[in-house]
Amino acid sequence: MKREIRLNAFDMACVGHIQHGMWTHPRDQASNYTSLEHWVSLARLLERGLFDGLFLADILGVYDVLEGLPDPSLRNSVQIPLIDPIALVPAMAYATTNLGFGVTCNLAYEAPFLFARRMATLDHLTQGRIGWNIVTGYLDSAARAVGLSEQMAHDDRYDLADEYMSVVYKLWEGGWRDDAVIRDRQHAIYTDPARVRTVHHHGKQFHMDALPLWEPSPQRTPVLYQAGASDRGRVFAAQHAECMFVNGSTRHNVRRIVDDLRRRAGARPLKIFVGASVVTGRTEAEARDRLEDYRRHASVEGALAHASASIGVDFARYGMDEPVDLAGSQAVRSNIEAIGSALGPGWTRRMLIDRFILGSRQPPMVGSAEQIADQLMGWVEDGDVDGFNLSRTVMPECLETFIDLVVPVLQERGVFKRGYAPGTYRQKLFGQGDRLPDTHPAALERWA
């Protein structure tokens, strides 16, 4: 039986996300990011295309590593200006019925109680269609923005995250019994006090004694995404994540990471999405022409600004053919590993720039709808992945062409759904219940 391909649109509440410079294209509408209609239209488009979700990235700092300044990022709109993605979700959910929403939130800089309430609120307002992309951050500029001198070391951030997850599981899963809300008008009892309890946690990083303010939401705990593919990140993912987002380097490298993730997770189900971008057309020639049209707008400086921050090295300090030294970087380890896998040992600034086809480190898939379908199915087969996070190029036509041309081919081949399954985001992804399975560590916090 063929595996059904899962699809997320990968976006961000900003002008320039992954493919830098595309905002300068005359047909691109990403600069409408402050318009609620922009996001509602996007959600409706994705639901028409039967996408599983909209995966929203976010950062709390500015990319200021290149030249030691924010100027290159500001000039090229490299994820700045940027608004809060959480505020967009209720409107998009109201305009749709089935589309899921995965929101990136950094746990390093927000009290667990406040965050847990915010996510429970979104789960209620979306009727169980919210997911959380768990991140620990990688920008010193974000640490400085909240009053710290620098971010914690990479592995220490995951130690913090383990404890944070323990706290939010207690809040989401353990504060209220499923039957706590009785809404008894006759006896004027809305909630039975005997079925609600104060949550206690006193650990290394967090101390809390709190009665959760919210009644149980449809999923209780949101669908849990995680994007750290370093060794420490994989340990964390195997314990907590339901869905993993991995960088699209090479199929061989992705398969190596996926095999390790599935081994660590054991019997617990894990959906794995690989990052990709697509340029397609009715024919291969049309797709190639579109690529060249887009390529004229790509920004090398913007791509270098993004890569410098993601990898943790100022490329302005290196000559074009000087090997780049990444020793001691506290940035995203999976990005470092992906680039090393793609470019090989001793890679240089020139080699990286040559990879910037559309203003990012990620070369696009290019071809007719049939050719794109072949490539996607090849990734599923060779990489053992479940689906793709598709980053935008020129908006919204990149998604419109994919939905109108590629989706029908995938459906004809029996690898993409023709309609949504009922239920919450978790039910749609896994075909099981609203709540996390009993094998997940969050289940230990439930009322007996």
Protein backbone atom coordinates (compact mmCIF):
# COMPACT_ATOMS: atom_id res chain seq x y z
CA MET A 1 0.00 0.00 0.00
CA LYS A 2 1.33 3.42 -0.99
CA ARG A 3 2.03 5.88 1.81
CA GLU A 4 -0.21 8.96 1.79
CA ILE A 5 1.89 12.10 1.44
CA ARG A 6 1.31 14.83 4.02
CA LEU A 7 1.67 18.50 3.07
CA ASN A 8 2.23 21.64 5.12
CA ALA A 9 2.75 25.12 3.74
CA PHE A 10 5.82 26.55 5.47
CA ASP A 11 5.44 30.28 6.05
CA MET A 12 6.22 33.11 8.43
CA ALA A 13 4.44 36.33 9.41
CA CYS A 14 6.94 38.47 7.52
CA VAL A 15 7.93 39.57 4.01
CA GLY A 16 11.05 37.46 3.39
CA HIS A 17 11.03 33.95 4.82
CA ILE A 18 13.31 31.30 3.23
CA GLN A 19 13.76 32.31 -0.43
CA HIS A 20 15.22 35.78 0.00
CA GLY A 21 14.59 38.49 -2.55
CA MET A 22 11.33 37.03 -3.87
CA TRP A 23 9.43 39.99 -2.39
CA THR A 24 10.89 42.13 -5.19
CA HIS A 25 9.05 40.10 -7.84
CA PRO A 26 6.15 42.15 -9.26
CA ARG A 27 3.64 39.34 -8.67
CA ASP A 28 4.67 38.59 -5.08
CA GLN A 29 2.16 39.59 -2.41
CA ALA A 30 4.15 38.74 0.72
CA SER A 31 4.39 42.42 1.64
CA ASN A 32 0.67 42.19 2.53
CA TYR A 33 1.67 40.21 5.64
CA THR A 34 0.09 42.79 7.98
CA SER A 35 -3.32 42.29 6.32
CA LEU A 36 -5.65 39.78 7.92
CA GLU A 37 -7.23 39.17 4.51
CA HIS A 38 -3.82 38.00 3.24
CA TRP A 39 -3.73 35.23 5.84
CA VAL A 40 -7.40 34.30 5.55
CA SER A 41 -6.99 33.97 1.76
CA LEU A 42 -3.92 31.80 2.30
CA ALA A 43 -5.79 29.51 4.70
CA ARG A 44 -8.69 29.11 2.29
CA LEU A 45 -6.29 28.35 -0.57
CA LEU A 46 -4.53 25.66 1.46
CA GLU A 47 -7.80 24.08 2.48
CA ARG A 48 -8.88 24.00 -1.16
CA GLY A 49 -5.63 22.14 -1.84
CA LEU A 50 -6.31 19.70 1.04
CA PHE A 51 -3.10 20.66 2.83
CA ASP A 52 -2.78 19.14 6.27
CA GLY A 53 -1.53 22.32 7.85
CA LEU A 54 0.06 25.73 7.76
CA PHE A 55 3.39 25.56 9.58
CA LEU A 56 4.31 29.03 10.87
CA ALA A 57 7.91 29.74 11.76
CA ASP A 58 8.93 32.48 14.18
CA ILE A 59 12.00 34.06 15.77
CA LEU A 60 12.44 36.50 18.66
CA GLY A 61 15.66 38.16 17.51
CA VAL A 62 17.19 39.72 14.42
CA TYR A 63 19.74 38.12 12.10
CA ASP A 64 22.73 40.31 12.94
CA VAL A 65 25.68 37.92 12.55
CA LEU A 66 26.68 38.89 8.99
CA GLU A 67 29.01 41.91 9.35
CA GLY A 68 27.99 41.97 13.03
CA LEU A 69 25.04 44.18 12.09
CA PRO A 70 21.28 43.89 11.39
CA ASP A 71 21.69 46.06 8.27
CA PRO A 72 21.84 43.25 5.65
CA SER A 73 18.70 41.69 7.13
CA LEU A 74 16.87 45.02 7.25
CA ARG A 75 17.80 45.89 3.67
CA ASN A 76 16.65 42.53 2.34
CA SER A 77 13.72 41.93 4.70
CA VAL A 78 15.27 38.73 6.04
CA GLN A 79 12.49 37.74 8.45
CA ILE A 80 12.20 41.36 9.56
CA PRO A 81 9.80 43.14 9.90
CA LEU A 82 7.93 40.32 11.63
CA ILE A 83 4.66 40.08 13.54
CA ASP A 84 3.37 37.53 16.07
CA PRO A 85 1.98 34.49 14.20
CA ILE A 86 -0.27 33.37 17.07
CA ALA A 87 -2.52 36.39 16.56
CA LEU A 88 -3.29 35.24 13.00
CA VAL A 89 -4.54 31.75 13.82
CA PRO A 90 -8.07 32.44 15.13
CA ALA A 91 -9.05 34.37 12.00
CA MET A 92 -7.67 31.66 9.70
CA ALA A 93 -9.37 28.95 11.74
CA TYR A 94 -12.69 30.81 11.55
CA ALA A 95 -12.38 30.93 7.74
CA THR A 96 -11.66 27.19 7.43
CA THR A 97 -12.94 23.88 8.75
CA ASN A 98 -10.14 21.32 8.46
CA LEU A 99 -6.77 23.05 8.06
CA GLY A 100 -4.34 22.54 10.94
CA PHE A 101 -2.01 25.23 12.28
CA GLY A 102 1.48 24.55 13.60
CA VAL A 103 2.85 27.59 15.43
CA THR A 104 6.49 28.04 16.41
CA CYS A 105 6.93 29.24 20.00
CA ASN A 106 10.23 29.57 21.85
CA LEU A 107 9.97 28.01 25.30
CA ALA A 108 13.19 29.59 26.57
CA TYR A 109 11.71 33.03 27.19
CA GLU A 110 8.13 32.56 28.40
CA ALA A 111 6.68 31.27 31.66
CA PRO A 112 5.10 27.81 31.14
CA PHE A 113 1.78 28.79 32.73
CA LEU A 114 1.22 31.75 30.40
CA PHE A 115 2.20 29.74 27.35
CA ALA A 116 0.06 26.74 28.30
CA ARG A 117 -3.01 28.97 28.65
CA ARG A 118 -2.36 30.60 25.27
CA MET A 119 -2.11 27.25 23.48
CA ALA A 120 -5.18 25.86 25.26
CA THR A 121 -7.06 28.96 24.12
CA LEU A 122 -6.01 28.35 20.52
CA ASP A 123 -7.00 24.70 20.77
CA HIS A 124 -10.47 25.77 21.92
CA LEU A 125 -10.87 28.50 19.29
CA THR A 126 -9.70 26.22 16.45
CA GLN A 127 -11.78 23.29 17.71
CA GLY A 128 -8.71 21.15 18.10
CA ARG A 129 -6.62 22.20 15.10
CA ILE A 130 -3.54 23.63 16.79
CA GLY A 131 0.02 22.32 16.91
CA TRP A 132 3.17 23.63 18.56
CA ASN A 133 6.59 23.63 16.96
CA ILE A 134 8.83 23.35 20.04
CA VAL A 135 11.98 25.45 19.73
CA THR A 136 14.64 26.52 22.20
CA GLY A 137 16.06 29.37 20.10
CA TYR A 138 19.43 29.90 18.48
CA LEU A 139 19.91 33.69 18.32
CA ASP A 140 21.94 35.69 20.83
CA SER A 141 19.94 38.72 19.66
CA ALA A 142 16.79 37.07 21.01
CA ALA A 143 18.44 36.47 24.38
CA ARG A 144 19.52 40.10 24.53
CA ALA A 145 15.98 41.21 23.64
CA VAL A 146 14.64 39.62 26.83
CA GLY A 147 17.40 40.91 29.07
CA LEU A 148 20.04 38.16 28.90
CA SER A 149 23.62 38.59 27.74
CA GLU A 150 23.57 35.53 25.49
CA GLN A 151 21.65 32.34 24.89
CA MET A 152 22.32 29.14 26.79
CA ALA A 153 24.61 26.49 25.30
CA HIS A 154 22.95 24.21 22.75
CA ASP A 155 22.55 21.08 24.87
CA ASP A 156 21.67 23.08 27.99
CA ARG A 157 18.72 24.54 26.08
CA TYR A 158 17.36 21.03 25.60
CA ASP A 159 17.79 20.27 29.30
CA LEU A 160 15.66 23.34 29.97
CA ALA A 161 13.16 22.16 27.37
CA ASP A 162 12.76 18.74 29.02
CA GLU A 163 11.71 20.37 32.27
CA TYR A 164 9.48 22.89 30.48
CA MET A 165 7.62 20.04 28.79
CA SER A 166 7.06 18.38 32.15
CA VAL A 167 5.45 21.57 33.45
CA VAL A 168 3.12 22.16 30.50
CA TYR A 169 2.08 18.50 30.43
CA LYS A 170 0.97 18.84 34.04
CA LEU A 171 -1.03 21.95 33.17
CA TRP A 172 -2.66 20.59 30.01
CA GLU A 173 -3.24 17.01 31.09
CA GLY A 174 -3.47 17.01 34.86
CA GLY A 175 -5.30 20.05 36.19
CA TRP A 176 -8.89 19.21 35.20
CA ARG A 177 -10.63 15.88 34.89
CA ASP A 178 -12.41 15.33 31.59
CA ASP A 179 -15.75 15.55 33.40
CA ALA A 180 -14.92 18.56 35.60
CA VAL A 181 -17.23 20.95 33.75
CA ILE A 182 -20.83 19.86 34.43
CA ARG A 183 -22.79 23.07 33.60
CA ASP A 184 -25.58 22.20 36.03
CA ARG A 185 -28.00 25.14 35.72
CA GLN A 186 -30.49 23.66 38.18
CA HIS A 187 -27.97 23.51 41.03
CA ALA A 188 -25.90 26.50 39.82
CA ILE A 189 -22.68 24.51 39.54
CA TYR A 190 -20.59 25.13 36.47
CA THR A 191 -17.47 23.22 37.51
CA ASP A 192 -17.20 20.51 40.16
CA PRO A 193 -14.34 21.67 42.44
CA ALA A 194 -13.53 18.07 43.38
CA ARG A 195 -12.52 17.43 39.77
CA VAL A 196 -10.00 20.27 39.51
CA ARG A 197 -6.63 20.34 41.26
CA THR A 198 -3.66 22.63 41.72
CA VAL A 199 -0.60 21.70 39.68
CA HIS A 200 2.71 21.68 41.55
CA HIS A 201 6.19 21.71 40.06
CA HIS A 202 9.46 22.51 41.79
CA GLY A 203 12.47 21.73 39.64
CA LYS A 204 15.87 23.09 38.65
CA GLN A 205 14.54 25.77 36.29
CA PHE A 206 10.87 26.23 37.14
CA HIS A 207 8.76 26.56 40.27
CA MET A 208 4.99 26.66 40.07
CA ASP A 209 1.87 26.12 42.16
CA ALA A 210 -1.07 26.88 39.89
CA LEU A 211 -4.63 25.90 39.22
CA PRO A 212 -5.05 25.97 35.43
CA LEU A 213 -7.62 28.60 34.48
CA TRP A 214 -8.91 26.81 31.38
CA GLU A 215 -11.20 23.85 30.96
CA PRO A 216 -9.89 20.90 28.93
CA SER A 217 -9.56 21.75 25.24
CA PRO A 218 -10.32 19.26 22.43
CA GLN A 219 -6.75 17.94 22.20
CA ARG A 220 -5.59 19.08 25.67
CA THR A 221 -1.95 19.04 24.50
CA PRO A 222 -1.45 20.52 21.00
CA VAL A 223 0.08 18.39 18.26
CA LEU A 224 3.80 18.47 19.05
CA TYR A 225 6.26 19.40 16.30
CA GLN A 226 10.00 19.62 16.74
CA ALA A 227 12.70 20.66 14.30
CA GLY A 228 15.99 19.88 16.02
CA ALA A 229 17.88 17.12 14.22
CA SER A 230 21.14 17.34 16.18
CA ASP A 231 21.95 14.33 18.34
CA ARG A 232 20.60 16.05 21.46
CA GLY A 233 17.61 17.28 19.48
CA ARG A 234 16.84 13.74 18.36
CA VAL A 235 16.91 12.50 21.96
CA PHE A 236 14.38 15.22 22.81
CA ALA A 237 12.24 14.48 19.74
CA ALA A 238 12.12 10.76 20.43
CA GLN A 239 10.68 11.49 23.86
CA HIS A 240 8.26 14.32 23.06
CA ALA A 241 7.59 14.98 19.35
CA GLU A 242 4.75 13.60 17.28
CA CYS A 243 5.96 15.29 14.08
CA MET A 244 9.53 16.12 13.08
CA PHE A 245 10.69 18.75 10.59
CA VAL A 246 14.09 17.96 9.02
CA ASN A 247 16.18 19.95 6.58
CA GLY A 248 16.15 18.75 3.00
CA SER A 249 19.87 18.17 2.43
CA THR A 250 20.39 14.88 0.57
CA ARG A 251 18.14 11.85 0.57
CA HIS A 252 20.92 9.74 2.02
CA ASN A 253 21.54 12.15 4.89
CA VAL A 254 17.83 12.56 5.60
CA ARG A 255 17.34 8.78 5.60
CA ARG A 256 20.18 8.44 8.12
CA ILE A 257 18.49 10.97 10.43
CA VAL A 258 15.04 9.45 9.93
CA ASP A 259 16.24 5.92 10.66
CA ASP A 260 17.78 7.15 13.91
CA LEU A 261 14.64 9.08 14.89
CA ARG A 262 12.36 6.12 14.29
CA ARG A 263 14.69 3.81 16.19
CA ARG A 264 14.75 6.15 19.17
CA ALA A 265 10.97 6.66 19.13
CA GLY A 266 10.35 2.91 19.10
CA ALA A 267 6.71 1.95 18.72
CA ARG A 268 5.49 5.51 19.22
CA PRO A 269 4.16 6.93 15.89
CA LEU A 270 6.22 9.75 14.39
CA LYS A 271 5.40 11.78 11.26
CA ILE A 272 8.46 13.25 9.56
CA PHE A 273 8.30 16.26 7.24
CA VAL A 274 11.22 17.38 5.08
CA GLY A 275 11.69 20.98 3.97
CA ALA A 276 11.26 21.63 0.25
CA SER A 277 10.44 24.35 -2.26
CA VAL A 278 8.84 23.73 -5.63
CA VAL A 279 8.79 25.56 -8.96
CA THR A 280 6.41 23.89 -11.40
CA GLY A 281 4.47 24.48 -14.59
CA ARG A 282 2.35 22.72 -17.18
CA THR A 283 5.58 21.55 -18.84
CA GLU A 284 9.21 21.27 -17.80
CA ALA A 285 10.06 24.17 -20.10
CA GLU A 286 7.44 26.38 -18.44
CA ALA A 287 8.81 25.45 -15.02
CA ARG A 288 12.38 26.27 -16.11
CA ASP A 289 11.26 29.62 -17.52
CA ARG A 290 9.51 30.39 -14.23
CA LEU A 291 12.65 29.45 -12.30
CA GLU A 292 14.76 31.86 -14.35
CA ASP A 293 12.16 34.58 -13.85
CA TYR A 294 12.26 34.05 -10.10
CA ARG A 295 16.03 33.73 -10.01
CA ARG A 296 16.52 37.27 -11.30
CA HIS A 297 15.04 38.47 -8.00
CA ALA A 298 17.08 36.28 -5.62
CA SER A 299 19.19 38.08 -3.02
CA VAL A 300 22.64 36.70 -2.25
CA GLU A 301 23.14 39.18 0.59
CA GLY A 302 19.80 38.19 2.12
CA ALA A 303 20.66 34.52 1.86
CA LEU A 304 24.06 35.11 3.48
CA ALA A 305 22.45 37.09 6.32
CA HIS A 306 20.06 34.21 7.02
CA ALA A 307 22.75 31.54 6.71
CA SER A 308 25.17 33.45 8.96
CA ALA A 309 22.65 33.53 11.79
CA SER A 310 21.41 29.96 11.27
CA ILE A 311 24.94 28.56 11.21
CA GLY A 312 26.49 30.97 13.70
CA VAL A 313 29.35 32.35 11.60
CA ASP A 314 30.02 35.74 9.99
CA PHE A 315 30.74 34.96 6.35
CA ALA A 316 32.04 38.50 5.87
CA ARG A 317 35.19 37.37 7.70
CA TYR A 318 35.99 34.74 5.08
CA GLY A 319 37.38 35.01 1.59
CA MET A 320 35.37 33.45 -1.23
CA ASP A 321 37.54 30.32 -1.34
CA GLU A 322 38.59 30.09 2.31
CA PRO A 323 37.25 27.02 4.19
CA VAL A 324 34.62 28.00 6.76
CA ASP A 325 35.30 27.00 10.37
CA LEU A 326 32.16 26.20 12.39
CA ALA A 327 33.85 24.96 15.55
CA GLY A 328 32.14 26.24 18.68
CA SER A 329 28.96 27.45 16.99
CA GLN A 330 25.88 27.42 19.25
CA ALA A 331 23.45 27.86 16.35
CA VAL A 332 21.20 25.22 14.77
CA ARG A 333 23.24 22.01 14.65
CA SER A 334 20.96 20.41 12.08
CA ASN A 335 21.66 23.34 9.72
CA ILE A 336 25.39 22.85 10.20
CA GLU A 337 25.09 19.12 9.55
CA ALA A 338 22.85 19.65 6.49
CA ILE A 339 25.29 22.07 4.87
CA GLY A 340 28.24 19.83 5.61
CA SER A 341 26.38 16.91 4.05
CA ALA A 342 25.42 18.88 0.94
CA LEU A 343 28.74 20.67 0.31
CA GLY A 344 31.27 18.26 1.77
CA PRO A 345 34.29 18.91 4.00
CA GLY A 346 36.24 22.14 3.60
CA TRP A 347 33.31 23.98 2.02
CA THR A 348 33.72 27.67 1.23
CA ARG A 349 31.67 30.83 0.95
CA ARG A 350 31.74 30.52 -2.87
CA MET A 351 30.38 26.97 -2.71
CA LEU A 352 27.56 28.13 -0.46
CA ILE A 353 26.67 31.08 -2.71
CA ASP A 354 26.59 28.76 -5.73
CA ARG A 355 23.86 26.86 -3.89
CA PHE A 356 21.73 30.04 -3.51
CA ILE A 357 19.51 29.44 -6.53
CA LEU A 358 16.48 31.32 -5.16
CA GLY A 359 18.08 33.18 -2.28
CA SER A 360 18.31 30.27 0.14
CA ARG A 361 20.43 27.23 0.98
CA GLN A 362 17.65 24.99 -0.30
CA PRO A 363 17.75 24.28 -4.06
CA PRO A 364 14.18 24.02 -5.38
CA MET A 365 12.52 21.05 -7.03
CA VAL A 366 11.86 22.14 -10.62
CA GLY A 367 9.78 20.48 -13.31
CA SER A 368 6.38 19.62 -14.67
CA ALA A 369 3.68 18.39 -12.31
CA GLU A 370 4.53 14.80 -13.17
CA GLN A 371 8.23 15.38 -12.54
CA ILE A 372 7.54 17.08 -9.22
CA ALA A 373 5.30 14.18 -8.20
CA ASP A 374 8.14 11.78 -9.10
CA GLN A 375 10.55 13.74 -6.91
CA LEU A 376 8.19 13.91 -3.95
CA MET A 377 7.42 10.20 -4.15
CA GLY A 378 11.15 9.49 -4.48
CA TRP A 379 11.84 11.37 -1.28
CA VAL A 380 9.14 9.39 0.54
CA GLU A 381 10.57 6.12 -0.73
CA ASP A 382 14.29 6.86 -0.31
CA GLY A 383 14.13 9.12 2.74
CA ASP A 384 11.32 7.31 4.61
CA VAL A 385 9.60 10.67 5.18
CA ASP A 386 5.86 11.18 5.57
CA GLY A 387 5.48 14.57 3.95
CA PHE A 388 6.84 18.00 3.15
CA ASN A 389 6.96 21.51 4.55
CA LEU A 390 6.73 23.54 1.33
CA SER A 391 8.34 26.97 1.66
CA ARG A 392 7.05 29.77 -0.52
CA THR A 393 8.76 31.44 -3.46
CA VAL A 394 6.47 33.98 -5.18
CA MET A 395 3.18 34.26 -3.30
CA PRO A 396 0.52 33.11 -3.83
CA GLU A 397 1.21 31.72 -7.29
CA CYS A 398 3.71 29.14 -6.02
CA LEU A 399 0.96 27.49 -3.99
CA GLU A 400 -1.74 28.00 -6.62
CA THR A 401 0.34 26.23 -9.29
CA PHE A 402 1.21 23.41 -6.90
CA ILE A 403 -2.43 22.91 -5.91
CA ASP A 404 -3.78 23.17 -9.44
CA LEU A 405 -1.08 21.08 -11.15
CA VAL A 406 0.75 18.77 -8.71
CA VAL A 407 -2.01 17.81 -6.27
CA PRO A 408 -4.21 16.20 -8.99
CA VAL A 409 -1.23 14.09 -10.16
CA LEU A 410 -0.53 12.92 -6.62
CA GLN A 411 -4.21 12.05 -6.22
CA GLU A 412 -4.26 10.09 -9.48
CA ARG A 413 -1.28 8.11 -8.25
CA GLY A 414 -3.06 7.28 -5.01
CA VAL A 415 -0.62 9.06 -2.69
CA PHE A 416 -2.67 12.11 -1.69
CA LYS A 417 -6.10 12.37 -0.13
CA ARG A 418 -9.24 13.46 -2.00
CA GLY A 419 -10.94 14.76 1.13
CA TYR A 420 -10.25 15.49 4.78
CA ALA A 421 -10.77 12.90 7.48
CA PRO A 422 -13.00 14.04 10.36
CA GLY A 423 -11.74 15.12 13.74
CA THR A 424 -9.00 17.17 15.31
CA TYR A 425 -5.56 17.89 13.89
CA ARG A 426 -4.16 14.88 15.75
CA GLN A 427 -6.95 12.61 14.49
CA LYS A 428 -6.39 13.73 10.91
CA LEU A 429 -2.66 13.11 11.08
CA PHE A 430 -2.66 9.81 12.94
CA GLY A 431 -6.15 8.35 12.49
CA GLN A 432 -6.51 7.87 16.24
CA GLY A 433 -8.01 9.85 19.12
CA ASP A 434 -8.00 13.54 20.02
CA ARG A 435 -5.49 13.06 22.82
CA LEU A 436 -1.88 11.97 22.99
CA PRO A 437 -1.50 8.18 23.14
CA ASP A 438 -0.92 6.44 26.46
CA THR A 439 2.67 5.72 25.36
CA HIS A 440 3.52 9.44 25.41
CA PRO A 441 5.15 10.85 28.60
CA ALA A 442 2.37 13.45 28.91
CA ALA A 443 -0.05 10.64 29.66
CA LEU A 444 1.63 10.15 33.05
CA GLU A 445 0.19 13.48 34.20
CA ARG A 446 -3.46 12.52 33.62
CA TRP A 447 -5.96 11.86 36.38
CA ALA A 448 -6.24 8.17 37.10
